[in-house]
């Protein structure tokens, strides 16, 4: 037995299997109906009023059909493409290089309010604008109808003025602080595990781990410690090497040629030097006079 659904959800309503789309209020952008239906496998369940979800893709249909063989459409509402800033304040550049003028009645919602931005994106048509800077992409806002932005901003302001919202925010702050404190502790331990200093340098290892953790773990710092793309052990290693590159070498004042790959080559060379310096503390040897690592830890604000 198979069922063809007009969305991604099917529920038993007492009258039969009813298929509907969670995006039924939006419909297709151009008003057309997609033409390629697909038969989905169906696993019978008890006739209770419980939703049975079919992962048939995000369908933009705005109707449903009652019955055991309702139509399934495979039209997919793809995520809005990322546009680049255009040559003028009211234009954008598409990924293929075309310049588009912003539709009449649209305004640019600047970044800075994630809750508002998310709701505007899910409300209907919009253009996301991002600008590459180096290897990173920076948001420049979202173009959307002014009526939509004003309506959602008013609704969100009313919601945020309630006591219930204030309680949720306070609870969320406590939860984030707890998660951050746990991560700081885990990262500090990972840094110490990476250092593996000899027993005679235990106190020094604690100082270095504290200095690196304090610098690398704050939320929004943009350091390698905040990424989730690599395991925490590799984050700890990269954070130590980065901290030493800035504190124990002349990297910040170096004149590096603007040649592709040259800066990376310099960083690799300095990383090897930092590894050699760390090795001296992993063996039973006294701290050398004038050691740049010891000097960095006891100087100025870096002293733990």
Foldseek 3Di string as FASTA:
>chain_A
DWAAAQAFKWWQDVQAIKHAHPQLVAADPVNDDADDWDTDDDDDDDRDGDMDTHPLEGHRHNDMDGDRHTTHHNDHDDQAAEWEPDPDPQWTAGPVGDIDGHDPQKDWAADDDVVLQVVQRSPYDKYWYWDDDVPDIHGGGIIDHPVSSVVSVVVVVVVCPDPVNVVVVVVVVVVVVVVLVVLLVVLLVLLLVVLQFDPVCVVVSNLLSVLLSVQARDPPSPALCPDPPDDSNVSSLVSSLVVCCVQQDPLVVDDFDPDPPRNVVVSVVSSVVVVVLSVVRNDPDDDDPPRSSVVSCPDDPNPD
